[in-house]
Amino acid sequence: MITATIKVESIFAGAAISDLFAIFHDGTDYFRIKNIPDNVESREILRSLGLEVYDNVDSIKSSARSSSLASSDKRSNVV
């Protein structure tokens, strides 16, 4: 049996318009986990992985409403 150890490094976490996301690096590739709910439990898990989220979904959505081209698009999830 062959076993391998892969070290995954936490890179960044942030808020998007509808959820949180986190970016990791495995030594070769970067990958993103998205659709993380913006709640206390998710933030605690991200913090335990060494990631701090400084923004929240509501503030990102509010900022996008006032300064984004998506704010005028009726199909956008910003409005």
PDB file of N, CA and C in Angstrom:
ATOM      1  N   MET A   1       0.833  -1.168   0.000  1.00  0.00           N
ATOM      2  CA  MET A   1       0.000   0.000   0.000  1.00  0.00           C
ATOM      3  C   MET A   1       0.889   1.245   0.000  1.00  0.00           C
ATOM      4  N   ILE A   2       0.520   2.202  -0.830  1.00  0.00           N
ATOM      5  CA  ILE A   2       1.243   3.468  -0.924  1.00  0.00           C
ATOM      6  C   ILE A   2       0.430   4.530  -0.203  1.00  0.00           C
ATOM      7  N   THR A   3       1.088   5.251   0.679  1.00  0.00           N
ATOM      8  CA  THR A   3       0.416   6.365   1.347  1.00  0.00           C
ATOM      9  C   THR A   3       1.152   7.642   0.996  1.00  0.00           C
ATOM     10  N   ALA A   4       0.396   8.698   0.894  1.00  0.00           N
ATOM     11  CA  ALA A   4       0.976  10.001   0.569  1.00  0.00           C
ATOM     12  C   ALA A   4       0.419  11.036   1.527  1.00  0.00           C
ATOM     13  N   THR A   5       1.258  11.955   1.898  1.00  0.00           N
ATOM     14  CA  THR A   5       0.827  13.061   2.740  1.00  0.00           C
ATOM     15  C   THR A   5       0.833  14.321   1.893  1.00  0.00           C
ATOM     16  N   ILE A   6      -0.296  14.986   1.869  1.00  0.00           N
ATOM     17  CA  ILE A   6      -0.413  16.231   1.120  1.00  0.00           C
ATOM     18  C   ILE A   6      -0.628  17.356   2.118  1.00  0.00           C
ATOM     19  N   LYS A   7       0.240  18.329   2.071  1.00  0.00           N
ATOM     20  CA  LYS A   7       0.102  19.483   2.955  1.00  0.00           C
ATOM     21  C   LYS A   7      -0.667  20.563   2.207  1.00  0.00           C
ATOM     22  N   VAL A   8      -1.753  21.001   2.808  1.00  0.00           N
ATOM     23  CA  VAL A   8      -2.579  22.045   2.213  1.00  0.00           C
ATOM     24  C   VAL A   8      -2.415  23.306   3.049  1.00  0.00           C
ATOM     25  N   GLU A   9      -2.074  24.392   2.379  1.00  0.00           N
ATOM     26  CA  GLU A   9      -1.853  25.674   3.044  1.00  0.00           C
ATOM     27  C   GLU A   9      -3.074  26.572   2.858  1.00  0.00           C
ATOM     28  N   SER A  10      -3.538  27.160   3.955  1.00  0.00           N
ATOM     29  CA  SER A  10      -4.627  28.138   3.895  1.00  0.00           C
ATOM     30  C   SER A  10      -4.060  29.447   3.370  1.00  0.00           C
ATOM     31  N   ILE A  11      -4.684  30.019   2.345  1.00  0.00           N
ATOM     32  CA  ILE A  11      -4.171  31.234   1.717  1.00  0.00           C
ATOM     33  C   ILE A  11      -5.009  32.456   2.067  1.00  0.00           C
ATOM     34  N   PHE A  12      -6.309  32.393   1.838  1.00  0.00           N
ATOM     35  CA  PHE A  12      -7.147  33.588   1.958  1.00  0.00           C
ATOM     36  C   PHE A  12      -8.598  33.176   2.121  1.00  0.00           C
ATOM     37  N   ALA A  13      -9.356  33.969   2.857  1.00  0.00           N
ATOM     38  CA  ALA A  13     -10.808  33.793   2.946  1.00  0.00           C
ATOM     39  C   ALA A  13     -11.450  35.161   2.797  1.00  0.00           C
ATOM     40  N   GLY A  14     -12.623  35.191   2.203  1.00  0.00           N
ATOM     41  CA  GLY A  14     -13.298  36.459   1.997  1.00  0.00           C
ATOM     42  C   GLY A  14     -14.784  36.288   1.824  1.00  0.00           C
ATOM     43  N   ALA A  15     -15.450  37.414   1.748  1.00  0.00           N
ATOM     44  CA  ALA A  15     -16.895  37.429   1.540  1.00  0.00           C
ATOM     45  C   ALA A  15     -17.178  37.795   0.095  1.00  0.00           C
ATOM     46  N   ALA A  16     -18.173  37.151  -0.461  1.00  0.00           N
ATOM     47  CA  ALA A  16     -18.652  37.460  -1.806  1.00  0.00           C
ATOM     48  C   ALA A  16     -20.088  37.961  -1.676  1.00  0.00           C
ATOM     49  N   ILE A  17     -20.770  38.128  -2.782  1.00  0.00           N
ATOM     50  CA  ILE A  17     -22.128  38.674  -2.768  1.00  0.00           C
ATOM     51  C   ILE A  17     -23.119  37.746  -2.070  1.00  0.00           C
ATOM     52  N   SER A  18     -22.915  36.440  -2.176  1.00  0.00           N
ATOM     53  CA  SER A  18     -23.911  35.525  -1.610  1.00  0.00           C
ATOM     54  C   SER A  18     -23.364  34.555  -0.575  1.00  0.00           C
ATOM     55  N   ASP A  19     -22.057  34.528  -0.342  1.00  0.00           N
ATOM     56  CA  ASP A  19     -21.491  33.567   0.594  1.00  0.00           C
ATOM     57  C   ASP A  19     -20.031  33.893   0.879  1.00  0.00           C
ATOM     58  N   LEU A  20     -19.400  33.062   1.694  1.00  0.00           N
ATOM     59  CA  LEU A  20     -17.969  33.185   1.947  1.00  0.00           C
ATOM     60  C   LEU A  20     -17.223  32.218   1.034  1.00  0.00           C
ATOM     61  N   PHE A  21     -15.924  32.443   0.886  1.00  0.00           N
ATOM     62  CA  PHE A  21     -15.087  31.527   0.115  1.00  0.00           C
ATOM     63  C   PHE A  21     -13.724  31.442   0.782  1.00  0.00           C
ATOM     64  N   ALA A  22     -12.997  30.388   0.492  1.00  0.00           N
ATOM     65  CA  ALA A  22     -11.644  30.214   1.018  1.00  0.00           C
ATOM     66  C   ALA A  22     -10.758  29.674  -0.095  1.00  0.00           C
ATOM     67  N   ILE A  23      -9.504  30.114  -0.101  1.00  0.00           N
ATOM     68  CA  ILE A  23      -8.538  29.669  -1.101  1.00  0.00           C
ATOM     69  C   ILE A  23      -7.410  28.925  -0.385  1.00  0.00           C
ATOM     70  N   PHE A  24      -7.037  27.785  -0.953  1.00  0.00           N
ATOM     71  CA  PHE A  24      -5.994  26.938  -0.388  1.00  0.00           C
ATOM     72  C   PHE A  24      -4.969  26.616  -1.470  1.00  0.00           C
ATOM     73  N   HIS A  25      -3.783  26.154  -1.025  1.00  0.00           N
ATOM     74  CA  HIS A  25      -2.720  25.764  -1.956  1.00  0.00           C
ATOM     75  C   HIS A  25      -2.146  24.436  -1.481  1.00  0.00           C
ATOM     76  N   ASP A  26      -2.014  23.480  -2.396  1.00  0.00           N
ATOM     77  CA  ASP A  26      -1.501  22.158  -2.024  1.00  0.00           C
ATOM     78  C   ASP A  26      -0.041  21.945  -2.422  1.00  0.00           C
ATOM     79  N   GLY A  27       0.653  23.025  -2.718  1.00  0.00           N
ATOM     80  CA  GLY A  27       2.040  22.919  -3.139  1.00  0.00           C
ATOM     81  C   GLY A  27       2.194  22.949  -4.648  1.00  0.00           C
ATOM     82  N   THR A  28       1.120  22.615  -5.348  1.00  0.00           N
ATOM     83  CA  THR A  28       1.123  22.630  -6.807  1.00  0.00           C
ATOM     84  C   THR A  28       0.033  23.539  -7.347  1.00  0.00           C
ATOM     85  N   ASP A  29      -1.168  23.334  -6.872  1.00  0.00           N
ATOM     86  CA  ASP A  29      -2.330  24.060  -7.381  1.00  0.00           C
ATOM     87  C   ASP A  29      -3.020  24.855  -6.277  1.00  0.00           C
ATOM     88  N   TYR A  30      -3.684  25.918  -6.701  1.00  0.00           N
ATOM     89  CA  TYR A  30      -4.565  26.669  -5.824  1.00  0.00           C
ATOM     90  C   TYR A  30      -5.985  26.184  -6.075  1.00  0.00           C
ATOM     91  N   PHE A  31      -6.789  26.114  -5.032  1.00  0.00           N
ATOM     92  CA  PHE A  31      -8.188  25.764  -5.223  1.00  0.00           C
ATOM     93  C   PHE A  31      -9.055  26.555  -4.264  1.00  0.00           C
ATOM     94  N   ARG A  32     -10.301  26.743  -4.673  1.00  0.00           N
ATOM     95  CA  ARG A  32     -11.234  27.580  -3.920  1.00  0.00           C
ATOM     96  C   ARG A  32     -12.415  26.731  -3.464  1.00  0.00           C
ATOM     97  N   ILE A  33     -12.815  26.969  -2.242  1.00  0.00           N
ATOM     98  CA  ILE A  33     -14.062  26.404  -1.739  1.00  0.00           C
ATOM     99  C   ILE A  33     -15.016  27.576  -1.610  1.00  0.00           C
ATOM    100  N   LYS A  34     -16.164  27.481  -2.249  1.00  0.00           N
ATOM    101  CA  LYS A  34     -17.129  28.576  -2.208  1.00  0.00           C
ATOM    102  C   LYS A  34     -18.454  28.073  -1.656  1.00  0.00           C
ATOM    103  N   ASN A  35     -19.424  28.963  -1.589  1.00  0.00           N
ATOM    104  CA  ASN A  35     -20.753  28.666  -1.038  1.00  0.00           C
ATOM    105  C   ASN A  35     -20.690  28.286   0.436  1.00  0.00           C
ATOM    106  N   ILE A  36     -19.773  28.906   1.168  1.00  0.00           N
ATOM    107  CA  ILE A  36     -19.683  28.694   2.612  1.00  0.00           C
ATOM    108  C   ILE A  36     -20.649  29.678   3.264  1.00  0.00           C
ATOM    109  N   PRO A  37     -21.588  29.207   4.078  1.00  0.00           N
ATOM    110  CA  PRO A  37     -22.545  30.128   4.705  1.00  0.00           C
ATOM    111  C   PRO A  37     -21.825  31.169   5.573  1.00  0.00           C
ATOM    112  N   ASP A  38     -22.345  32.379   5.579  1.00  0.00           N
ATOM    113  CA  ASP A  38     -21.770  33.442   6.406  1.00  0.00           C
ATOM    114  C   ASP A  38     -22.439  33.387   7.775  1.00  0.00           C
ATOM    115  N   ASN A  39     -21.916  32.538   8.641  1.00  0.00           N
ATOM    116  CA  ASN A  39     -22.445  32.433   9.998  1.00  0.00           C
ATOM    117  C   ASN A  39     -21.294  32.203  10.977  1.00  0.00           C
ATOM    118  N   VAL A  40     -21.615  32.221  12.248  1.00  0.00           N
ATOM    119  CA  VAL A  40     -20.597  32.107  13.294  1.00  0.00           C
ATOM    120  C   VAL A  40     -19.830  30.791  13.176  1.00  0.00           C
ATOM    121  N   GLU A  41     -20.538  29.705  12.937  1.00  0.00           N
ATOM    122  CA  GLU A  41     -19.893  28.395  12.863  1.00  0.00           C
ATOM    123  C   GLU A  41     -18.875  28.331  11.726  1.00  0.00           C
ATOM    124  N   SER A  42     -19.255  28.838  10.559  1.00  0.00           N
ATOM    125  CA  SER A  42     -18.335  28.831   9.413  1.00  0.00           C
ATOM    126  C   SER A  42     -17.102  29.672   9.698  1.00  0.00           C
ATOM    127  N   ARG A  43     -17.305  30.821  10.300  1.00  0.00           N
ATOM    128  CA  ARG A  43     -16.174  31.694  10.621  1.00  0.00           C
ATOM    129  C   ARG A  43     -15.240  31.040  11.638  1.00  0.00           C
ATOM    130  N   GLU A  44     -15.806  30.301  12.599  1.00  0.00           N
ATOM    131  CA  GLU A  44     -14.975  29.591  13.576  1.00  0.00           C
ATOM    132  C   GLU A  44     -14.139  28.510  12.900  1.00  0.00           C
ATOM    133  N   ILE A  45     -14.746  27.786  11.964  1.00  0.00           N
ATOM    134  CA  ILE A  45     -14.009  26.749  11.237  1.00  0.00           C
ATOM    135  C   ILE A  45     -12.888  27.378  10.415  1.00  0.00           C
ATOM    136  N   LEU A  46     -13.192  28.457   9.697  1.00  0.00           N
ATOM    137  CA  LEU A  46     -12.161  29.139   8.910  1.00  0.00           C
ATOM    138  C   LEU A  46     -11.045  29.656   9.812  1.00  0.00           C
ATOM    139  N   ARG A  47     -11.411  30.212  10.959  1.00  0.00           N
ATOM    140  CA  ARG A  47     -10.411  30.716  11.905  1.00  0.00           C
ATOM    141  C   ARG A  47      -9.521  29.572  12.401  1.00  0.00           C
ATOM    142  N   SER A  48     -10.119  28.395  12.641  1.00  0.00           N
ATOM    143  CA  SER A  48      -9.328  27.246  13.107  1.00  0.00           C
ATOM    144  C   SER A  48      -8.345  26.768  12.036  1.00  0.00           C
ATOM    145  N   LEU A  49      -8.616  27.110  10.785  1.00  0.00           N
ATOM    146  CA  LEU A  49      -7.715  26.779   9.679  1.00  0.00           C
ATOM    147  C   LEU A  49      -6.701  27.892   9.415  1.00  0.00           C
ATOM    148  N   GLY A  50      -6.718  28.915  10.254  1.00  0.00           N
ATOM    149  CA  GLY A  50      -5.776  30.017  10.110  1.00  0.00           C
ATOM    150  C   GLY A  50      -6.240  31.123   9.192  1.00  0.00           C
ATOM    151  N   LEU A  51      -7.541  31.164   8.904  1.00  0.00           N
ATOM    152  CA  LEU A  51      -8.093  32.180   8.003  1.00  0.00           C
ATOM    153  C   LEU A  51      -9.023  33.107   8.765  1.00  0.00           C
ATOM    154  N   GLU A  52      -8.889  34.386   8.536  1.00  0.00           N
ATOM    155  CA  GLU A  52      -9.772  35.385   9.146  1.00  0.00           C
ATOM    156  C   GLU A  52     -10.530  36.092   8.035  1.00  0.00           C
ATOM    157  N   VAL A  53     -11.844  36.148   8.163  1.00  0.00           N
ATOM    158  CA  VAL A  53     -12.688  36.844   7.186  1.00  0.00           C
ATOM    159  C   VAL A  53     -13.013  38.210   7.776  1.00  0.00           C
ATOM    160  N   TYR A  54     -12.583  39.278   7.125  1.00  0.00           N
ATOM    161  CA  TYR A  54     -12.759  40.618   7.659  1.00  0.00           C
ATOM    162  C   TYR A  54     -14.013  41.313   7.154  1.00  0.00           C
ATOM    163  N   ASP A  55     -14.677  40.771   6.186  1.00  0.00           N
ATOM    164  CA  ASP A  55     -15.882  41.382   5.641  1.00  0.00           C
ATOM    165  C   ASP A  55     -17.044  40.429   5.832  1.00  0.00           C
ATOM    166  N   ASN A  56     -18.232  40.851   5.426  1.00  0.00           N
ATOM    167  CA  ASN A  56     -19.380  39.951   5.478  1.00  0.00           C
ATOM    168  C   ASN A  56     -20.203  40.118   4.210  1.00  0.00           C
ATOM    169  N   VAL A  57     -21.074  39.158   3.973  1.00  0.00           N
ATOM    170  CA  VAL A  57     -21.860  39.133   2.739  1.00  0.00           C
ATOM    171  C   VAL A  57     -22.703  40.393   2.602  1.00  0.00           C
ATOM    172  N   ASP A  58     -23.329  40.846   3.684  1.00  0.00           N
ATOM    173  CA  ASP A  58     -24.186  42.035   3.611  1.00  0.00           C
ATOM    174  C   ASP A  58     -23.414  43.281   3.187  1.00  0.00           C
ATOM    175  N   SER A  59     -22.199  43.475   3.717  1.00  0.00           N
ATOM    176  CA  SER A  59     -21.436  44.671   3.338  1.00  0.00           C
ATOM    177  C   SER A  59     -20.953  44.585   1.890  1.00  0.00           C
ATOM    178  N   ILE A  60     -20.593  43.395   1.434  1.00  0.00           N
ATOM    179  CA  ILE A  60     -20.181  43.232   0.034  1.00  0.00           C
ATOM    180  C   ILE A  60     -21.359  43.492  -0.889  1.00  0.00           C
ATOM    181  N   LYS A  61     -22.525  42.970  -0.519  1.00  0.00           N
ATOM    182  CA  LYS A  61     -23.726  43.167  -1.332  1.00  0.00           C
ATOM    183  C   LYS A  61     -24.100  44.647  -1.372  1.00  0.00           C
ATOM    184  N   SER A  62     -24.011  45.324  -0.238  1.00  0.00           N
ATOM    185  CA  SER A  62     -24.325  46.746  -0.169  1.00  0.00           C
ATOM    186  C   SER A  62     -23.365  47.561  -1.035  1.00  0.00           C
ATOM    187  N   SER A  63     -22.098  47.233  -0.962  1.00  0.00           N
ATOM    188  CA  SER A  63     -21.099  47.924  -1.773  1.00  0.00           C
ATOM    189  C   SER A  63     -21.353  47.694  -3.261  1.00  0.00           C
ATOM    190  N   ALA A  64     -21.709  46.483  -3.617  1.00  0.00           N
ATOM    191  CA  ALA A  64     -21.977  46.168  -5.025  1.00  0.00           C
ATOM    192  C   ALA A  64     -23.220  46.895  -5.531  1.00  0.00           C
ATOM    193  N   ARG A  65     -24.217  47.050  -4.661  1.00  0.00           N
ATOM    194  CA  ARG A  65     -25.439  47.770  -5.057  1.00  0.00           C
ATOM    195  C   ARG A  65     -25.126  49.209  -5.442  1.00  0.00           C
ATOM    196  N   SER A  66     -24.219  49.826  -4.704  1.00  0.00           N
ATOM    197  CA  SER A  66     -23.976  51.249  -4.920  1.00  0.00           C
ATOM    198  C   SER A  66     -22.886  51.539  -5.950  1.00  0.00           C
ATOM    199  N   SER A  67     -22.016  50.583  -6.223  1.00  0.00           N
ATOM    200  CA  SER A  67     -20.886  50.929  -7.087  1.00  0.00           C
ATOM    201  C   SER A  67     -20.588  49.909  -8.179  1.00  0.00           C
ATOM    202  N   SER A  68     -21.487  49.003  -8.429  1.00  0.00           N
ATOM    203  CA  SER A  68     -21.216  47.954  -9.401  1.00  0.00           C
ATOM    204  C   SER A  68     -22.100  48.084 -10.631  1.00  0.00           C
ATOM    205  N   LEU A  69     -21.578  47.692 -11.770  1.00  0.00           N
ATOM    206  CA  LEU A  69     -22.396  47.637 -12.978  1.00  0.00           C
ATOM    207  C   LEU A  69     -23.513  46.618 -12.828  1.00  0.00           C
ATOM    208  N   ALA A  70     -23.303  45.619 -11.998  1.00  0.00           N
ATOM    209  CA  ALA A  70     -24.324  44.589 -11.785  1.00  0.00           C
ATOM    210  C   ALA A  70     -25.567  45.150 -11.111  1.00  0.00           C
ATOM    211  N   SER A  71     -25.439  46.279 -10.444  1.00  0.00           N
ATOM    212  CA  SER A  71     -26.598  46.845  -9.740  1.00  0.00           C
ATOM    213  C   SER A  71     -27.718  47.240 -10.693  1.00  0.00           C
ATOM    214  N   SER A  72     -27.393  47.522 -11.947  1.00  0.00           N
ATOM    215  CA  SER A  72     -28.427  47.912 -12.908  1.00  0.00           C
ATOM    216  C   SER A  72     -28.954  46.731 -13.728  1.00  0.00           C
ATOM    217  N   ASP A  73     -28.426  45.555 -13.488  1.00  0.00           N
ATOM    218  CA  ASP A  73     -28.856  44.358 -14.218  1.00  0.00           C
ATOM    219  C   ASP A  73     -29.981  43.672 -13.452  1.00  0.00           C
ATOM    220  N   LYS A  74     -31.148  43.553 -14.063  1.00  0.00           N
ATOM    221  CA  LYS A  74     -32.312  42.966 -13.396  1.00  0.00           C
ATOM    222  C   LYS A  74     -32.103  41.499 -13.025  1.00  0.00           C
ATOM    223  N   ARG A  75     -31.191  40.813 -13.700  1.00  0.00           N
ATOM    224  CA  ARG A  75     -30.937  39.397 -13.413  1.00  0.00           C
ATOM    225  C   ARG A  75     -29.866  39.203 -12.348  1.00  0.00           C
ATOM    226  N   SER A  76     -29.251  40.262 -11.887  1.00  0.00           N
ATOM    227  CA  SER A  76     -28.149  40.165 -10.943  1.00  0.00           C
ATOM    228  C   SER A  76     -28.642  39.760  -9.561  1.00  0.00           C
ATOM    229  N   ASN A  77     -27.824  38.998  -8.841  1.00  0.00           N
ATOM    230  CA  ASN A  77     -28.165  38.646  -7.462  1.00  0.00           C
ATOM    231  C   ASN A  77     -27.703  39.713  -6.472  1.00  0.00           C
ATOM    232  N   VAL A  78     -27.240  40.843  -6.987  1.00  0.00           N
ATOM    233  CA  VAL A  78     -26.804  41.949  -6.135  1.00  0.00           C
ATOM    234  C   VAL A  78     -27.996  42.697  -5.573  1.00  0.00           C
ATOM    235  N   VAL A  79     -29.041  42.861  -6.375  1.00  0.00           N
ATOM    236  CA  VAL A  79     -30.186  43.679  -5.971  1.00  0.00           C
ATOM    237  C   VAL A  79     -31.159  42.930  -5.108  1.00  0.00           C
TER     238      VAL A  79
END
